[in-house]
Amino acid sequence: MLTVSNTPKGDALDKMLKSSNIIDMIELTNTLTTGEVAIRYLEAIARAKGITQGNLSSKLGVCRQTLAKRFHDRSMDIDSYIATAEALDTDPIDVLAKAYDARQALAAKEGE
């Protein structure tokens, strides 16, 4: 299993992601980019923490439909990505590193 780091936050992120089967999803959907995987991670973190799209959108100052579109389309600008991660009390760099590592692991697995 991939890990973010040997820090309490990294361990907590790993635990949340394991419970959401995000790695399995990446393996089944090998067309996702690293950025799309990172957005999926954010969505999984919100679910794991029990944060609704309505609550998260309020924290971000956007309507729920805007946030839902960002998650559905797996597309957001860098400022929105960072704000979303911070609203989830998650380090955006850790999430992006996790997404990158997952994509690299999948590429290596496909190359076997």
PDB file of N, CA and C in Angstrom:
ATOM      1  N   MET A   1       0.836  -1.186   0.000  1.00  0.00           N
ATOM      2  CA  MET A   1       0.000   0.000   0.000  1.00  0.00           C
ATOM      3  C   MET A   1       0.874   1.240   0.000  1.00  0.00           C
ATOM      4  N   LEU A   2       0.478   2.227  -0.746  1.00  0.00           N
ATOM      5  CA  LEU A   2       1.205   3.481  -0.791  1.00  0.00           C
ATOM      6  C   LEU A   2       0.972   4.264   0.483  1.00  0.00           C
ATOM      7  N   THR A   3       1.950   5.027   0.899  1.00  0.00           N
ATOM      8  CA  THR A   3       1.791   5.871   2.075  1.00  0.00           C
ATOM      9  C   THR A   3       2.230   7.278   1.750  1.00  0.00           C
ATOM     10  N   VAL A   4       1.649   8.234   2.459  1.00  0.00           N
ATOM     11  CA  VAL A   4       1.984   9.637   2.252  1.00  0.00           C
ATOM     12  C   VAL A   4       3.292   9.954   2.948  1.00  0.00           C
ATOM     13  N   SER A   5       3.368   9.676   4.211  1.00  0.00           N
ATOM     14  CA  SER A   5       4.562   9.969   4.984  1.00  0.00           C
ATOM     15  C   SER A   5       4.427   9.296   6.336  1.00  0.00           C
ATOM     16  N   ASN A   6       5.453   9.413   7.124  1.00  0.00           N
ATOM     17  CA  ASN A   6       5.415   8.859   8.471  1.00  0.00           C
ATOM     18  C   ASN A   6       5.042   9.946   9.468  1.00  0.00           C
ATOM     19  N   THR A   7       4.019  10.707   9.152  1.00  0.00           N
ATOM     20  CA  THR A   7       3.539  11.754  10.037  1.00  0.00           C
ATOM     21  C   THR A   7       2.122  11.414  10.461  1.00  0.00           C
ATOM     22  N   PRO A   8       1.652  11.978  11.564  1.00  0.00           N
ATOM     23  CA  PRO A   8       0.276  11.706  11.973  1.00  0.00           C
ATOM     24  C   PRO A   8      -0.749  12.065  10.894  1.00  0.00           C
ATOM     25  N   LYS A   9      -0.558  13.219  10.228  1.00  0.00           N
ATOM     26  CA  LYS A   9      -1.495  13.594   9.162  1.00  0.00           C
ATOM     27  C   LYS A   9      -1.418  12.622   8.005  1.00  0.00           C
ATOM     28  N   GLY A  10      -0.208  12.229   7.637  1.00  0.00           N
ATOM     29  CA  GLY A  10      -0.046  11.276   6.548  1.00  0.00           C
ATOM     30  C   GLY A  10      -0.683   9.939   6.879  1.00  0.00           C
ATOM     31  N   ASP A  11      -0.496   9.473   8.097  1.00  0.00           N
ATOM     32  CA  ASP A  11      -1.105   8.210   8.530  1.00  0.00           C
ATOM     33  C   ASP A  11      -2.622   8.299   8.505  1.00  0.00           C
ATOM     34  N   ALA A  12      -3.165   9.428   8.952  1.00  0.00           N
ATOM     35  CA  ALA A  12      -4.618   9.603   8.952  1.00  0.00           C
ATOM     36  C   ALA A  12      -5.158   9.609   7.525  1.00  0.00           C
ATOM     37  N   LEU A  13      -4.447  10.272   6.615  1.00  0.00           N
ATOM     38  CA  LEU A  13      -4.869  10.301   5.220  1.00  0.00           C
ATOM     39  C   LEU A  13      -4.832   8.901   4.632  1.00  0.00           C
ATOM     40  N   ASP A  14      -3.770   8.149   4.907  1.00  0.00           N
ATOM     41  CA  ASP A  14      -3.691   6.772   4.426  1.00  0.00           C
ATOM     42  C   ASP A  14      -4.873   5.944   4.914  1.00  0.00           C
ATOM     43  N   LYS A  15      -5.217   6.086   6.188  1.00  0.00           N
ATOM     44  CA  LYS A  15      -6.322   5.311   6.756  1.00  0.00           C
ATOM     45  C   LYS A  15      -7.636   5.650   6.059  1.00  0.00           C
ATOM     46  N   MET A  16      -7.876   6.946   5.827  1.00  0.00           N
ATOM     47  CA  MET A  16      -9.107   7.355   5.156  1.00  0.00           C
ATOM     48  C   MET A  16      -9.168   6.817   3.737  1.00  0.00           C
ATOM     49  N   LEU A  17      -8.048   6.873   3.036  1.00  0.00           N
ATOM     50  CA  LEU A  17      -8.049   6.441   1.653  1.00  0.00           C
ATOM     51  C   LEU A  17      -8.197   4.928   1.535  1.00  0.00           C
ATOM     52  N   LYS A  18      -7.612   4.184   2.462  1.00  0.00           N
ATOM     53  CA  LYS A  18      -7.786   2.735   2.463  1.00  0.00           C
ATOM     54  C   LYS A  18      -9.252   2.371   2.634  1.00  0.00           C
ATOM     55  N   SER A  19      -9.933   3.084   3.507  1.00  0.00           N
ATOM     56  CA  SER A  19     -11.329   2.755   3.786  1.00  0.00           C
ATOM     57  C   SER A  19     -12.240   3.091   2.613  1.00  0.00           C
ATOM     58  N   SER A  20     -11.783   3.931   1.698  1.00  0.00           N
ATOM     59  CA  SER A  20     -12.643   4.321   0.583  1.00  0.00           C
ATOM     60  C   SER A  20     -12.372   3.523  -0.692  1.00  0.00           C
ATOM     61  N   ASN A  21     -11.401   2.612  -0.645  1.00  0.00           N
ATOM     62  CA  ASN A  21     -11.043   1.789  -1.802  1.00  0.00           C
ATOM     63  C   ASN A  21     -10.645   2.626  -3.011  1.00  0.00           C
ATOM     64  N   ILE A  22     -10.052   3.794  -2.781  1.00  0.00           N
ATOM     65  CA  ILE A  22      -9.658   4.675  -3.875  1.00  0.00           C
ATOM     66  C   ILE A  22      -8.595   4.027  -4.755  1.00  0.00           C
ATOM     67  N   ILE A  23      -7.701   3.250  -4.163  1.00  0.00           N
ATOM     68  CA  ILE A  23      -6.660   2.585  -4.954  1.00  0.00           C
ATOM     69  C   ILE A  23      -7.298   1.595  -5.924  1.00  0.00           C
ATOM     70  N   ASP A  24      -8.295   0.834  -5.453  1.00  0.00           N
ATOM     71  CA  ASP A  24      -9.001  -0.091  -6.336  1.00  0.00           C
ATOM     72  C   ASP A  24      -9.670   0.658  -7.479  1.00  0.00           C
ATOM     73  N   MET A  25     -10.264   1.828  -7.155  1.00  0.00           N
ATOM     74  CA  MET A  25     -10.927   2.624  -8.173  1.00  0.00           C
ATOM     75  C   MET A  25      -9.917   3.079  -9.226  1.00  0.00           C
ATOM     76  N   ILE A  26      -8.737   3.492  -8.809  1.00  0.00           N
ATOM     77  CA  ILE A  26      -7.714   3.942  -9.749  1.00  0.00           C
ATOM     78  C   ILE A  26      -7.312   2.794 -10.664  1.00  0.00           C
ATOM     79  N   GLU A  27      -7.144   1.612 -10.100  1.00  0.00           N
ATOM     80  CA  GLU A  27      -6.745   0.457 -10.902  1.00  0.00           C
ATOM     81  C   GLU A  27      -7.813   0.105 -11.931  1.00  0.00           C
ATOM     82  N   LEU A  28      -9.081   0.280 -11.565  1.00  0.00           N
ATOM     83  CA  LEU A  28     -10.161  -0.040 -12.492  1.00  0.00           C
ATOM     84  C   LEU A  28     -10.346   1.048 -13.543  1.00  0.00           C
ATOM     85  N   THR A  29      -9.984   2.260 -13.199  1.00  0.00           N
ATOM     86  CA  THR A  29     -10.181   3.397 -14.098  1.00  0.00           C
ATOM     87  C   THR A  29      -8.815   3.983 -14.428  1.00  0.00           C
ATOM     88  N   ASN A  30      -8.054   3.296 -15.231  1.00  0.00           N
ATOM     89  CA  ASN A  30      -6.677   3.707 -15.473  1.00  0.00           C
ATOM     90  C   ASN A  30      -6.553   4.882 -16.426  1.00  0.00           C
ATOM     91  N   THR A  31      -7.659   5.516 -16.773  1.00  0.00           N
ATOM     92  CA  THR A  31      -7.607   6.668 -17.657  1.00  0.00           C
ATOM     93  C   THR A  31      -7.549   7.977 -16.884  1.00  0.00           C
ATOM     94  N   LEU A  32      -7.608   7.938 -15.562  1.00  0.00           N
ATOM     95  CA  LEU A  32      -7.576   9.166 -14.775  1.00  0.00           C
ATOM     96  C   LEU A  32      -6.176   9.766 -14.755  1.00  0.00           C
ATOM     97  N   THR A  33      -6.111  11.084 -14.847  1.00  0.00           N
ATOM     98  CA  THR A  33      -4.837  11.778 -14.707  1.00  0.00           C
ATOM     99  C   THR A  33      -4.510  11.922 -13.218  1.00  0.00           C
ATOM    100  N   THR A  34      -3.302  12.330 -12.917  1.00  0.00           N
ATOM    101  CA  THR A  34      -2.917  12.542 -11.521  1.00  0.00           C
ATOM    102  C   THR A  34      -3.802  13.602 -10.875  1.00  0.00           C
ATOM    103  N   GLY A  35      -4.100  14.665 -11.593  1.00  0.00           N
ATOM    104  CA  GLY A  35      -4.976  15.709 -11.058  1.00  0.00           C
ATOM    105  C   GLY A  35      -6.368  15.186 -10.762  1.00  0.00           C
ATOM    106  N   GLU A  36      -6.897  14.365 -11.650  1.00  0.00           N
ATOM    107  CA  GLU A  36      -8.220  13.782 -11.431  1.00  0.00           C
ATOM    108  C   GLU A  36      -8.217  12.847 -10.223  1.00  0.00           C
ATOM    109  N   VAL A  37      -7.148  12.094 -10.073  1.00  0.00           N
ATOM    110  CA  VAL A  37      -7.030  11.205  -8.913  1.00  0.00           C
ATOM    111  C   VAL A  37      -6.979  12.033  -7.632  1.00  0.00           C
ATOM    112  N   ALA A  38      -6.247  13.140  -7.648  1.00  0.00           N
ATOM    113  CA  ALA A  38      -6.164  14.010  -6.470  1.00  0.00           C
ATOM    114  C   ALA A  38      -7.547  14.539  -6.090  1.00  0.00           C
ATOM    115  N   ILE A  39      -8.333  14.905  -7.083  1.00  0.00           N
ATOM    116  CA  ILE A  39      -9.696  15.388  -6.805  1.00  0.00           C
ATOM    117  C   ILE A  39     -10.549  14.257  -6.254  1.00  0.00           C
ATOM    118  N   ARG A  40     -10.378  13.051  -6.781  1.00  0.00           N
ATOM    119  CA  ARG A  40     -11.091  11.894  -6.223  1.00  0.00           C
ATOM    120  C   ARG A  40     -10.686  11.666  -4.772  1.00  0.00           C
ATOM    121  N   TYR A  41      -9.415  11.845  -4.470  1.00  0.00           N
ATOM    122  CA  TYR A  41      -8.949  11.718  -3.090  1.00  0.00           C
ATOM    123  C   TYR A  41      -9.657  12.734  -2.200  1.00  0.00           C
ATOM    124  N   LEU A  42      -9.746  13.972  -2.654  1.00  0.00           N
ATOM    125  CA  LEU A  42     -10.432  14.996  -1.854  1.00  0.00           C
ATOM    126  C   LEU A  42     -11.879  14.601  -1.597  1.00  0.00           C
ATOM    127  N   GLU A  43     -12.527  14.097  -2.621  1.00  0.00           N
ATOM    128  CA  GLU A  43     -13.910  13.651  -2.478  1.00  0.00           C
ATOM    129  C   GLU A  43     -14.011  12.502  -1.464  1.00  0.00           C
ATOM    130  N   ALA A  44     -13.066  11.565  -1.527  1.00  0.00           N
ATOM    131  CA  ALA A  44     -13.057  10.437  -0.593  1.00  0.00           C
ATOM    132  C   ALA A  44     -12.787  10.903   0.832  1.00  0.00           C
ATOM    133  N   ILE A  45     -11.905  11.880   0.983  1.00  0.00           N
ATOM    134  CA  ILE A  45     -11.605  12.418   2.306  1.00  0.00           C
ATOM    135  C   ILE A  45     -12.852  13.071   2.900  1.00  0.00           C
ATOM    136  N   ALA A  46     -13.562  13.836   2.089  1.00  0.00           N
ATOM    137  CA  ALA A  46     -14.802  14.469   2.567  1.00  0.00           C
ATOM    138  C   ALA A  46     -15.795  13.410   3.034  1.00  0.00           C
ATOM    139  N   ARG A  47     -15.973  12.363   2.226  1.00  0.00           N
ATOM    140  CA  ARG A  47     -16.892  11.279   2.616  1.00  0.00           C
ATOM    141  C   ARG A  47     -16.448  10.615   3.904  1.00  0.00           C
ATOM    142  N   ALA A  48     -15.145  10.325   4.009  1.00  0.00           N
ATOM    143  CA  ALA A  48     -14.616   9.644   5.194  1.00  0.00           C
ATOM    144  C   ALA A  48     -14.806  10.492   6.450  1.00  0.00           C
ATOM    145  N   LYS A  49     -14.756  11.797   6.295  1.00  0.00           N
ATOM    146  CA  LYS A  49     -14.940  12.693   7.437  1.00  0.00           C
ATOM    147  C   LYS A  49     -16.404  13.037   7.675  1.00  0.00           C
ATOM    148  N   GLY A  50     -17.281  12.542   6.817  1.00  0.00           N
ATOM    149  CA  GLY A  50     -18.706  12.817   6.972  1.00  0.00           C
ATOM    150  C   GLY A  50     -19.099  14.239   6.610  1.00  0.00           C
ATOM    151  N   ILE A  51     -18.311  14.871   5.754  1.00  0.00           N
ATOM    152  CA  ILE A  51     -18.590  16.244   5.336  1.00  0.00           C
ATOM    153  C   ILE A  51     -19.402  16.207   4.045  1.00  0.00           C
ATOM    154  N   THR A  52     -20.566  16.811   4.071  1.00  0.00           N
ATOM    155  CA  THR A  52     -21.431  16.823   2.890  1.00  0.00           C
ATOM    156  C   THR A  52     -20.956  17.873   1.897  1.00  0.00           C
ATOM    157  N   GLN A  53     -21.409  17.740   0.658  1.00  0.00           N
ATOM    158  CA  GLN A  53     -21.073  18.750  -0.338  1.00  0.00           C
ATOM    159  C   GLN A  53     -21.651  20.103   0.066  1.00  0.00           C
ATOM    160  N   GLY A  54     -22.813  20.100   0.692  1.00  0.00           N
ATOM    161  CA  GLY A  54     -23.413  21.348   1.156  1.00  0.00           C
ATOM    162  C   GLY A  54     -22.553  22.034   2.194  1.00  0.00           C
ATOM    163  N   ASN A  55     -22.071  21.275   3.176  1.00  0.00           N
ATOM    164  CA  ASN A  55     -21.203  21.851   4.209  1.00  0.00           C
ATOM    165  C   ASN A  55     -19.881  22.327   3.620  1.00  0.00           C
ATOM    166  N   LEU A  56     -19.300  21.515   2.753  1.00  0.00           N
ATOM    167  CA  LEU A  56     -18.023  21.878   2.155  1.00  0.00           C
ATOM    168  C   LEU A  56     -18.171  23.112   1.265  1.00  0.00           C
ATOM    169  N   SER A  57     -19.234  23.166   0.491  1.00  0.00           N
ATOM    170  CA  SER A  57     -19.434  24.326  -0.385  1.00  0.00           C
ATOM    171  C   SER A  57     -19.618  25.602   0.430  1.00  0.00           C
ATOM    172  N   SER A  58     -20.269  25.495   1.588  1.00  0.00           N
ATOM    173  CA  SER A  58     -20.419  26.664   2.466  1.00  0.00           C
ATOM    174  C   SER A  58     -19.054  27.141   2.961  1.00  0.00           C
ATOM    175  N   LYS A  59     -18.195  26.193   3.343  1.00  0.00           N
ATOM    176  CA  LYS A  59     -16.840  26.558   3.791  1.00  0.00           C
ATOM    177  C   LYS A  59     -16.050  27.245   2.681  1.00  0.00           C
ATOM    178  N   LEU A  60     -16.299  26.827   1.443  1.00  0.00           N
ATOM    179  CA  LEU A  60     -15.555  27.355   0.300  1.00  0.00           C
ATOM    180  C   LEU A  60     -16.167  28.635  -0.263  1.00  0.00           C
ATOM    181  N   GLY A  61     -17.400  28.927   0.133  1.00  0.00           N
ATOM    182  CA  GLY A  61     -18.077  30.117  -0.382  1.00  0.00           C
ATOM    183  C   GLY A  61     -18.575  29.968  -1.804  1.00  0.00           C
ATOM    184  N   VAL A  62     -18.904  28.739  -2.184  1.00  0.00           N
ATOM    185  CA  VAL A  62     -19.477  28.477  -3.512  1.00  0.00           C
ATOM    186  C   VAL A  62     -20.781  27.716  -3.320  1.00  0.00           C
ATOM    187  N   CYS A  63     -21.616  27.718  -4.354  1.00  0.00           N
ATOM    188  CA  CYS A  63     -22.863  26.960  -4.231  1.00  0.00           C
ATOM    189  C   CYS A  63     -22.571  25.463  -4.349  1.00  0.00           C
ATOM    190  N   ARG A  64     -23.474  24.649  -3.805  1.00  0.00           N
ATOM    191  CA  ARG A  64     -23.294  23.205  -3.801  1.00  0.00           C
ATOM    192  C   ARG A  64     -23.158  22.661  -5.225  1.00  0.00           C
ATOM    193  N   GLN A  65     -23.914  23.244  -6.163  1.00  0.00           N
ATOM    194  CA  GLN A  65     -23.869  22.775  -7.547  1.00  0.00           C
ATOM    195  C   GLN A  65     -22.482  22.987  -8.162  1.00  0.00           C
ATOM    196  N   THR A  66     -21.836  24.082  -7.820  1.00  0.00           N
ATOM    197  CA  THR A  66     -20.479  24.343  -8.329  1.00  0.00           C
ATOM    198  C   THR A  66     -19.513  23.283  -7.824  1.00  0.00           C
ATOM    199  N   LEU A  67     -19.591  22.995  -6.526  1.00  0.00           N
ATOM    200  CA  LEU A  67     -18.716  21.971  -5.958  1.00  0.00           C
ATOM    201  C   LEU A  67     -19.026  20.598  -6.554  1.00  0.00           C
ATOM    202  N   ALA A  68     -20.298  20.288  -6.697  1.00  0.00           N
ATOM    203  CA  ALA A  68     -20.687  18.996  -7.280  1.00  0.00           C
ATOM    204  C   ALA A  68     -20.129  18.866  -8.697  1.00  0.00           C
ATOM    205  N   LYS A  69     -20.180  19.954  -9.472  1.00  0.00           N
ATOM    206  CA  LYS A  69     -19.641  19.916 -10.837  1.00  0.00           C
ATOM    207  C   LYS A  69     -18.126  19.697 -10.816  1.00  0.00           C
ATOM    208  N   ARG A  70     -17.429  20.354  -9.893  1.00  0.00           N
ATOM    209  CA  ARG A  70     -15.980  20.175  -9.803  1.00  0.00           C
ATOM    210  C   ARG A  70     -15.639  18.711  -9.521  1.00  0.00           C
ATOM    211  N   PHE A  71     -16.363  18.094  -8.580  1.00  0.00           N
ATOM    212  CA  PHE A  71     -16.099  16.694  -8.261  1.00  0.00           C
ATOM    213  C   PHE A  71     -16.524  15.783  -9.407  1.00  0.00           C
ATOM    214  N   HIS A  72     -17.681  16.041  -9.997  1.00  0.00           N
ATOM    215  CA  HIS A  72     -18.175  15.194 -11.081  1.00  0.00           C
ATOM    216  C   HIS A  72     -17.249  15.249 -12.289  1.00  0.00           C
ATOM    217  N   ASP A  73     -16.840  16.461 -12.660  1.00  0.00           N
ATOM    218  CA  ASP A  73     -15.967  16.629 -13.828  1.00  0.00           C
ATOM    219  C   ASP A  73     -14.502  16.322 -13.509  1.00  0.00           C
ATOM    220  N   ARG A  74     -14.193  16.160 -12.206  1.00  0.00           N
ATOM    221  CA  ARG A  74     -12.822  15.950 -11.737  1.00  0.00           C
ATOM    222  C   ARG A  74     -11.906  17.040 -12.283  1.00  0.00           C
ATOM    223  N   SER A  75     -12.392  18.283 -12.155  1.00  0.00           N
ATOM    224  CA  SER A  75     -11.644  19.410 -12.687  1.00  0.00           C
ATOM    225  C   SER A  75     -11.825  20.628 -11.787  1.00  0.00           C
ATOM    226  N   MET A  76     -10.713  21.194 -11.349  1.00  0.00           N
ATOM    227  CA  MET A  76     -10.748  22.457 -10.626  1.00  0.00           C
ATOM    228  C   MET A  76      -9.404  23.142 -10.786  1.00  0.00           C
ATOM    229  N   ASP A  77      -9.431  24.476 -10.715  1.00  0.00           N
ATOM    230  CA  ASP A  77      -8.168  25.198 -10.832  1.00  0.00           C
ATOM    231  C   ASP A  77      -7.370  25.000  -9.551  1.00  0.00           C
ATOM    232  N   ILE A  78      -6.102  25.390  -9.598  1.00  0.00           N
ATOM    233  CA  ILE A  78      -5.197  25.119  -8.483  1.00  0.00           C
ATOM    234  C   ILE A  78      -5.655  25.815  -7.206  1.00  0.00           C
ATOM    235  N   ASP A  79      -6.166  27.032  -7.323  1.00  0.00           N
ATOM    236  CA  ASP A  79      -6.634  27.745  -6.141  1.00  0.00           C
ATOM    237  C   ASP A  79      -7.821  27.029  -5.503  1.00  0.00           C
ATOM    238  N   SER A  80      -8.739  26.541  -6.326  1.00  0.00           N
ATOM    239  CA  SER A  80      -9.891  25.804  -5.813  1.00  0.00           C
ATOM    240  C   SER A  80      -9.465  24.489  -5.176  1.00  0.00           C
ATOM    241  N   TYR A  81      -8.494  23.825  -5.807  1.00  0.00           N
ATOM    242  CA  TYR A  81      -7.974  22.566  -5.266  1.00  0.00           C
ATOM    243  C   TYR A  81      -7.372  22.790  -3.877  1.00  0.00           C
ATOM    244  N   ILE A  82      -6.527  23.807  -3.751  1.00  0.00           N
ATOM    245  CA  ILE A  82      -5.887  24.090  -2.470  1.00  0.00           C
ATOM    246  C   ILE A  82      -6.931  24.480  -1.426  1.00  0.00           C
ATOM    247  N   ALA A  83      -7.873  25.331  -1.796  1.00  0.00           N
ATOM    248  CA  ALA A  83      -8.918  25.752  -0.860  1.00  0.00           C
ATOM    249  C   ALA A  83      -9.758  24.567  -0.402  1.00  0.00           C
ATOM    250  N   THR A  84     -10.063  23.655  -1.318  1.00  0.00           N
ATOM    251  CA  THR A  84     -10.858  22.474  -0.968  1.00  0.00           C
ATOM    252  C   THR A  84     -10.091  21.584   0.003  1.00  0.00           C
ATOM    253  N   ALA A  85      -8.828  21.336  -0.278  1.00  0.00           N
ATOM    254  CA  ALA A  85      -8.012  20.521   0.623  1.00  0.00           C
ATOM    255  C   ALA A  85      -7.927  21.162   2.003  1.00  0.00           C
ATOM    256  N   GLU A  86      -7.687  22.451   2.050  1.00  0.00           N
ATOM    257  CA  GLU A  86      -7.581  23.134   3.338  1.00  0.00           C
ATOM    258  C   GLU A  86      -8.905  23.139   4.087  1.00  0.00           C
ATOM    259  N   ALA A  87     -10.015  23.259   3.367  1.00  0.00           N
ATOM    260  CA  ALA A  87     -11.334  23.203   4.007  1.00  0.00           C
ATOM    261  C   ALA A  87     -11.583  21.827   4.621  1.00  0.00           C
ATOM    262  N   LEU A  88     -10.917  20.816   4.070  1.00  0.00           N
ATOM    263  CA  LEU A  88     -11.024  19.453   4.602  1.00  0.00           C
ATOM    264  C   LEU A  88      -9.938  19.172   5.643  1.00  0.00           C
ATOM    265  N   ASP A  89      -9.183  20.213   6.017  1.00  0.00           N
ATOM    266  CA  ASP A  89      -8.090  20.101   6.976  1.00  0.00           C
ATOM    267  C   ASP A  89      -7.087  19.037   6.529  1.00  0.00           C
ATOM    268  N   THR A  90      -6.762  19.102   5.246  1.00  0.00           N
ATOM    269  CA  THR A  90      -5.858  18.149   4.615  1.00  0.00           C
ATOM    270  C   THR A  90      -4.794  18.915   3.848  1.00  0.00           C
ATOM    271  N   ASP A  91      -3.576  18.447   3.902  1.00  0.00           N
ATOM    272  CA  ASP A  91      -2.487  19.093   3.184  1.00  0.00           C
ATOM    273  C   ASP A  91      -2.618  18.803   1.686  1.00  0.00           C
ATOM    274  N   PRO A  92      -2.796  19.838   0.853  1.00  0.00           N
ATOM    275  CA  PRO A  92      -2.970  19.602  -0.583  1.00  0.00           C
ATOM    276  C   PRO A  92      -1.760  18.935  -1.228  1.00  0.00           C
ATOM    277  N   ILE A  93      -0.579  19.192  -0.697  1.00  0.00           N
ATOM    278  CA  ILE A  93       0.636  18.574  -1.250  1.00  0.00           C
ATOM    279  C   ILE A  93       0.651  17.079  -0.956  1.00  0.00           C
ATOM    280  N   ASP A  94       0.233  16.685   0.259  1.00  0.00           N
ATOM    281  CA  ASP A  94       0.153  15.258   0.593  1.00  0.00           C
ATOM    282  C   ASP A  94      -0.823  14.537  -0.329  1.00  0.00           C
ATOM    283  N   VAL A  95      -1.967  15.167  -0.596  1.00  0.00           N
ATOM    284  CA  VAL A  95      -2.962  14.545  -1.464  1.00  0.00           C
ATOM    285  C   VAL A  95      -2.416  14.392  -2.879  1.00  0.00           C
ATOM    286  N   LEU A  96      -1.783  15.435  -3.378  1.00  0.00           N
ATOM    287  CA  LEU A  96      -1.222  15.368  -4.727  1.00  0.00           C
ATOM    288  C   LEU A  96      -0.104  14.328  -4.813  1.00  0.00           C
ATOM    289  N   ALA A  97       0.730  14.258  -3.789  1.00  0.00           N
ATOM    290  CA  ALA A  97       1.789  13.244  -3.760  1.00  0.00           C
ATOM    291  C   ALA A  97       1.195  11.846  -3.757  1.00  0.00           C
ATOM    292  N   LYS A  98       0.136  11.652  -3.001  1.00  0.00           N
ATOM    293  CA  LYS A  98      -0.540  10.358  -2.937  1.00  0.00           C
ATOM    294  C   LYS A  98      -1.098   9.989  -4.315  1.00  0.00           C
ATOM    295  N   ALA A  99      -1.710  10.961  -4.989  1.00  0.00           N
ATOM    296  CA  ALA A  99      -2.264  10.721  -6.322  1.00  0.00           C
ATOM    297  C   ALA A  99      -1.157  10.372  -7.312  1.00  0.00           C
ATOM    298  N   TYR A 100      -0.044  11.103  -7.241  1.00  0.00           N
ATOM    299  CA  TYR A 100       1.085  10.846  -8.125  1.00  0.00           C
ATOM    300  C   TYR A 100       1.644   9.444  -7.879  1.00  0.00           C
ATOM    301  N   ASP A 101       1.838   9.093  -6.614  1.00  0.00           N
ATOM    302  CA  ASP A 101       2.362   7.765  -6.279  1.00  0.00           C
ATOM    303  C   ASP A 101       1.431   6.659  -6.774  1.00  0.00           C
ATOM    304  N   ALA A 102       0.132   6.886  -6.654  1.00  0.00           N
ATOM    305  CA  ALA A 102      -0.835   5.875  -7.112  1.00  0.00           C
ATOM    306  C   ALA A 102      -0.746   5.692  -8.623  1.00  0.00           C
ATOM    307  N   ARG A 103      -0.640   6.783  -9.358  1.00  0.00           N
ATOM    308  CA  ARG A 103      -0.524   6.694 -10.809  1.00  0.00           C
ATOM    309  C   ARG A 103       0.787   5.996 -11.205  1.00  0.00           C
ATOM    310  N   GLN A 104       1.876   6.310 -10.506  1.00  0.00           N
ATOM    311  CA  GLN A 104       3.165   5.686 -10.802  1.00  0.00           C
ATOM    312  C   GLN A 104       3.112   4.183 -10.515  1.00  0.00           C
ATOM    313  N   ALA A 105       2.488   3.818  -9.403  1.00  0.00           N
ATOM    314  CA  ALA A 105       2.363   2.401  -9.059  1.00  0.00           C
ATOM    315  C   ALA A 105       1.540   1.656 -10.102  1.00  0.00           C
ATOM    316  N   LEU A 106       0.481   2.297 -10.567  1.00  0.00           N
ATOM    317  CA  LEU A 106      -0.355   1.671 -11.592  1.00  0.00           C
ATOM    318  C   LEU A 106       0.417   1.523 -12.894  1.00  0.00           C
ATOM    319  N   ALA A 107       1.179   2.545 -13.260  1.00  0.00           N
ATOM    320  CA  ALA A 107       1.980   2.472 -14.499  1.00  0.00           C
ATOM    321  C   ALA A 107       3.010   1.353 -14.395  1.00  0.00           C
ATOM    322  N   ALA A 108       3.623   1.205 -13.237  1.00  0.00           N
ATOM    323  CA  ALA A 108       4.608   0.142 -13.046  1.00  0.00           C
ATOM    324  C   ALA A 108       3.937  -1.227 -13.124  1.00  0.00           C
ATOM    325  N   LYS A 109       2.759  -1.317 -12.554  1.00  0.00           N
ATOM    326  CA  LYS A 109       2.012  -2.584 -12.575  1.00  0.00           C
ATOM    327  C   LYS A 109       1.626  -2.943 -14.001  1.00  0.00           C
ATOM    328  N   GLU A 110       1.208  -1.941 -14.781  1.00  0.00           N
ATOM    329  CA  GLU A 110       0.833  -2.184 -16.167  1.00  0.00           C
ATOM    330  C   GLU A 110       2.042  -2.583 -17.002  1.00  0.00           C
ATOM    331  N   GLY A 111       3.225  -2.097 -16.619  1.00  0.00           N
ATOM    332  CA  GLY A 111       4.453  -2.414 -17.348  1.00  0.00           C
ATOM    333  C   GLY A 111       5.010  -3.794 -17.068  1.00  0.00           C
ATOM    334  N   GLU A 112       4.476  -4.481 -16.063  1.00  0.00           N
ATOM    335  CA  GLU A 112       4.977  -5.817 -15.697  1.00  0.00           C
ATOM    336  C   GLU A 112       4.630  -6.852 -16.731  1.00  0.00           C
TER     337      GLU A 112
END
